[in-house]
C-alpha atoms as a PDB file:
ATOM      1  CA  MET A   1     -28.124  58.331  65.922  1.00  0.00           C
ATOM      2  CA  HIS A   2     -27.100  55.019  64.384  1.00  0.00           C
ATOM      3  CA  PHE A   3     -29.155  55.740  61.276  1.00  0.00           C
ATOM      4  CA  LEU A   4     -26.731  58.542  60.323  1.00  0.00           C
ATOM      5  CA  GLY A   5     -23.749  56.192  60.161  1.00  0.00           C
ATOM      6  CA  ILE A   6     -22.607  54.484  56.995  1.00  0.00           C
ATOM      7  CA  THR A   7     -21.313  50.942  57.171  1.00  0.00           C
ATOM      8  CA  TRP A   8     -18.690  50.713  54.445  1.00  0.00           C
ATOM      9  CA  ASN A   9     -17.875  47.073  53.865  1.00  0.00           C
ATOM     10  CA  PRO A  10     -17.495  46.372  50.125  1.00  0.00           C
ATOM     11  CA  ASN A  11     -16.588  42.971  48.773  1.00  0.00           C
ATOM     12  CA  GLU A  12     -12.786  42.884  48.423  1.00  0.00           C
ATOM     13  CA  THR A  13     -12.668  40.087  45.846  1.00  0.00           C
ATOM     14  CA  LEU A  14     -12.982  41.172  42.235  1.00  0.00           C
ATOM     15  CA  PHE A  15     -13.204  37.628  40.823  1.00  0.00           C
ATOM     16  CA  ASN A  16     -12.047  34.065  41.496  1.00  0.00           C
ATOM     17  CA  ILE A  17      -9.980  31.851  39.222  1.00  0.00           C
ATOM     18  CA  GLY A  18     -10.094  28.445  40.836  1.00  0.00           C
ATOM     19  CA  PHE A  19      -8.394  28.837  44.199  1.00  0.00           C
ATOM     20  CA  ILE A  20      -6.822  32.221  43.315  1.00  0.00           C
ATOM     21  CA  GLN A  21      -8.673  35.361  44.364  1.00  0.00           C
ATOM     22  CA  ILE A  22      -8.016  38.592  42.480  1.00  0.00           C
ATOM     23  CA  LYS A  23      -8.708  41.526  44.775  1.00  0.00           C
ATOM     24  CA  TYR A  24      -8.990  45.225  43.984  1.00  0.00           C
ATOM     25  CA  TYR A  25      -5.861  46.032  45.960  1.00  0.00           C
ATOM     26  CA  ASN A  26      -3.759  43.517  43.989  1.00  0.00           C
ATOM     27  CA  LEU A  27      -5.097  44.808  40.700  1.00  0.00           C
ATOM     28  CA  LEU A  28      -4.182  48.388  41.650  1.00  0.00           C
ATOM     29  CA  TRP A  29      -0.610  47.349  42.542  1.00  0.00           C
ATOM     30  CA  ILE A  30      -0.165  45.608  39.191  1.00  0.00           C
ATOM     31  CA  THR A  31      -1.650  48.566  37.311  1.00  0.00           C
ATOM     32  CA  ALA A  32       0.613  51.042  39.116  1.00  0.00           C
ATOM     33  CA  PHE A  33       3.766  49.057  38.335  1.00  0.00           C
ATOM     34  CA  ALA A  34       2.757  48.556  34.693  1.00  0.00           C
ATOM     35  CA  LEU A  35       1.992  52.253  34.164  1.00  0.00           C
ATOM     36  CA  GLY A  36       5.217  53.207  35.914  1.00  0.00           C
ATOM     37  CA  TRP A  37       7.219  50.890  33.685  1.00  0.00           C
ATOM     38  CA  PHE A  38       5.636  52.254  30.489  1.00  0.00           C
ATOM     39  CA  LEU A  39       6.183  55.868  31.569  1.00  0.00           C
ATOM     40  CA  MET A  40       9.791  55.227  32.539  1.00  0.00           C
ATOM     41  CA  LYS A  41      10.396  53.367  29.260  1.00  0.00           C
ATOM     42  CA  LYS A  42       9.195  56.420  27.351  1.00  0.00           C
ATOM     43  CA  ILE A  43      11.447  58.686  29.425  1.00  0.00           C
ATOM     44  CA  PHE A  44      14.454  56.378  28.960  1.00  0.00           C
ATOM     45  CA  LEU A  45      13.936  56.275  25.194  1.00  0.00           C
ATOM     46  CA  ASN A  46      13.627  60.084  25.026  1.00  0.00           C
ATOM     47  CA  GLU A  47      16.836  60.463  27.050  1.00  0.00           C
ATOM     48  CA  LYS A  48      18.636  57.894  24.834  1.00  0.00           C
ATOM     49  CA  LYS A  49      19.325  55.549  27.765  1.00  0.00           C
ATOM     50  CA  SER A  50      19.429  51.772  27.454  1.00  0.00           C
ATOM     51  CA  VAL A  51      16.343  49.758  28.301  1.00  0.00           C
ATOM     52  CA  GLU A  52      18.525  47.229  30.179  1.00  0.00           C
ATOM     53  CA  GLN A  53      19.124  49.891  32.837  1.00  0.00           C
ATOM     54  CA  LEU A  54      15.366  50.341  33.115  1.00  0.00           C
ATOM     55  CA  ASP A  55      14.855  46.616  33.620  1.00  0.00           C
ATOM     56  CA  SER A  56      17.287  46.451  36.539  1.00  0.00           C
ATOM     57  CA  LEU A  57      15.848  49.657  38.005  1.00  0.00           C
ATOM     58  CA  PHE A  58      12.345  48.207  37.740  1.00  0.00           C
ATOM     59  CA  ILE A  59      13.340  44.991  39.517  1.00  0.00           C
ATOM     60  CA  TYR A  60      14.942  46.944  42.370  1.00  0.00           C
ATOM     61  CA  THR A  61      11.893  49.206  42.589  1.00  0.00           C
ATOM     62  CA  VAL A  62       9.450  46.294  42.808  1.00  0.00           C
ATOM     63  CA  LEU A  63      11.547  44.437  45.388  1.00  0.00           C
ATOM     64  CA  SER A  64      12.099  47.493  47.572  1.00  0.00           C
ATOM     65  CA  THR A  65       8.408  48.412  47.409  1.00  0.00           C
ATOM     66  CA  MET A  66       7.372  44.906  48.450  1.00  0.00           C
ATOM     67  CA  LEU A  67       9.886  44.845  51.301  1.00  0.00           C
ATOM     68  CA  GLY A  68       8.918  48.336  52.428  1.00  0.00           C
ATOM     69  CA  ALA A  69       5.198  47.666  52.351  1.00  0.00           C
END
């Protein structure tokens, strides 16, 4: 019954820049943080809050996510 199984082993590396490898997982992390920052910036501007508060919140969010992961 081996012919019914699927071997899922895609290439993890998206592209290479010299000795640096950009992988899909890294690209998704960067995209998620960038989209989150743009959405929160829009919310902060609609609520008339300062963008400096968003910057410190973003730094704490990135650091806590990296430590938690």
